Amino acid sequence: MPSAINPPITVPAVDAKVFDEWFFTQFICQNLHNDQLASIQVVQVPRNAASKEFHHAGTETVSGSFWDVVQNVPAAAAAMQATLAALPDVVAYLKTQQV
């Protein structure tokens, strides 16, 4: 049964927020040794470029075939080749940082 509230409760309007860029929070490549199972996954979160505020409810996960991406996205092919070539140096550096 409804009952009047006196005085009524007023909720102020919330200002609209603009999230104008994607921030990539995860980048995962798996099973690169297997042509059929090789996959790439990217997790991206909307972010306001000025305030750096994230909109986590808008998080998206995009995934697909690693080798398909390498074959069809020229910039990705070059980036993957450079990344994979750098991994031995990355591993060596990380090992020096372990206590």
Protein backbone atom coordinates (compact mmCIF):
# COMPACT_ATOMS: atom_id res chain seq x y z
CA MET A 1 0.00 0.00 0.00
CA PRO A 2 1.56 3.30 -1.06
CA SER A 3 2.09 6.10 1.41
CA ALA A 4 3.09 9.68 0.62
CA ILE A 5 6.55 10.91 1.58
CA ASN A 6 6.48 14.41 2.97
CA PRO A 7 8.73 16.07 1.97
CA PRO A 8 9.47 13.92 -1.09
CA ILE A 9 12.94 12.48 -1.63
CA THR A 10 14.75 14.14 -4.52
CA VAL A 11 17.63 12.42 -6.30
CA PRO A 12 19.83 14.91 -8.13
CA ALA A 13 20.50 14.25 -11.79
CA VAL A 14 23.79 12.58 -12.59
CA ASP A 15 25.91 14.37 -15.16
CA ALA A 16 26.48 12.45 -18.36
CA LYS A 17 29.96 11.01 -18.70
CA VAL A 18 31.86 10.51 -21.91
CA PHE A 19 34.27 7.64 -22.37
CA ASP A 20 36.18 8.44 -25.53
CA GLU A 21 38.96 5.87 -25.72
CA TRP A 22 39.61 2.19 -25.19
CA PHE A 23 42.15 1.18 -22.55
CA PHE A 24 43.58 -2.28 -23.15
CA THR A 25 43.84 -4.15 -19.86
CA GLN A 26 44.80 -7.61 -21.10
CA PHE A 27 46.45 -9.04 -24.18
CA ILE A 28 46.80 -12.81 -24.25
CA CYS A 29 48.23 -15.08 -26.95
CA GLN A 30 47.93 -18.81 -26.38
CA ASN A 31 48.83 -22.08 -28.07
CA LEU A 32 50.98 -20.46 -30.75
CA HIS A 33 52.61 -23.85 -31.38
CA ASN A 34 49.30 -25.22 -32.69
CA ASP A 35 47.90 -23.74 -35.90
CA GLN A 36 44.36 -24.81 -35.02
CA LEU A 37 44.33 -23.68 -31.39
CA ALA A 38 46.45 -20.50 -31.56
CA SER A 39 44.34 -17.67 -30.17
CA ILE A 40 44.52 -14.02 -29.31
CA GLN A 41 42.35 -12.28 -26.73
CA VAL A 42 42.12 -8.57 -25.98
CA VAL A 43 40.21 -7.07 -23.05
CA GLN A 44 39.35 -3.41 -23.43
CA VAL A 45 37.68 -0.97 -21.05
CA PRO A 46 36.12 2.39 -22.01
CA ARG A 47 38.04 5.30 -20.46
CA ASN A 48 37.69 9.07 -20.34
CA ALA A 49 40.90 10.45 -21.85
CA ALA A 50 40.87 13.62 -19.74
CA SER A 51 39.88 12.29 -16.31
CA LYS A 52 41.32 8.76 -16.79
CA GLU A 53 38.07 7.38 -15.32
CA PHE A 54 37.12 3.87 -16.41
CA HIS A 55 33.65 2.53 -17.22
CA HIS A 56 34.12 -1.09 -16.13
CA ALA A 57 30.54 -2.05 -16.95
CA GLY A 58 31.41 -1.45 -20.61
CA THR A 59 34.34 -3.88 -20.64
CA GLU A 60 34.62 -5.93 -23.81
CA THR A 61 36.57 -9.10 -24.52
CA VAL A 62 37.45 -9.76 -28.15
CA SER A 63 39.12 -12.97 -29.28
CA GLY A 64 39.92 -14.97 -32.36
CA SER A 65 42.51 -16.95 -34.28
CA PHE A 66 46.05 -15.68 -33.71
CA TRP A 67 47.30 -16.74 -37.13
CA ASP A 68 44.25 -15.30 -38.89
CA VAL A 69 44.99 -11.91 -37.30
CA VAL A 70 48.68 -12.13 -38.25
CA GLN A 71 47.79 -12.95 -41.85
CA ASN A 72 45.12 -10.26 -42.28
CA VAL A 73 46.29 -7.30 -40.20
CA PRO A 74 49.66 -6.08 -41.54
CA ALA A 75 50.48 -3.94 -38.49
CA ALA A 76 49.66 -6.87 -36.21
CA ALA A 77 52.02 -9.15 -38.12
CA ALA A 78 54.92 -6.73 -37.64
CA ALA A 79 54.02 -6.14 -33.98
CA MET A 80 53.76 -9.85 -33.21
CA GLN A 81 57.08 -10.58 -34.90
CA ALA A 82 58.78 -7.80 -32.89
CA THR A 83 57.12 -8.93 -29.65
CA LEU A 84 58.07 -12.56 -30.08
CA ALA A 85 61.65 -11.58 -30.99
CA ALA A 86 61.89 -9.48 -27.80
CA LEU A 87 60.62 -12.20 -25.45
CA PRO A 88 64.02 -13.77 -24.68
CA ASP A 89 65.30 -10.35 -23.56
CA VAL A 90 62.12 -9.73 -21.56
CA VAL A 91 62.48 -13.09 -19.82
CA ALA A 92 66.15 -12.44 -19.07
CA TYR A 93 65.33 -9.04 -17.59
CA LEU A 94 62.46 -10.39 -15.48
CA LYS A 95 64.69 -13.11 -14.09
CA THR A 96 67.11 -10.44 -12.83
CA GLN A 97 64.23 -8.73 -11.00
CA GLN A 98 63.16 -11.79 -9.02
CA VAL A 99 64.22 -11.95 -5.42
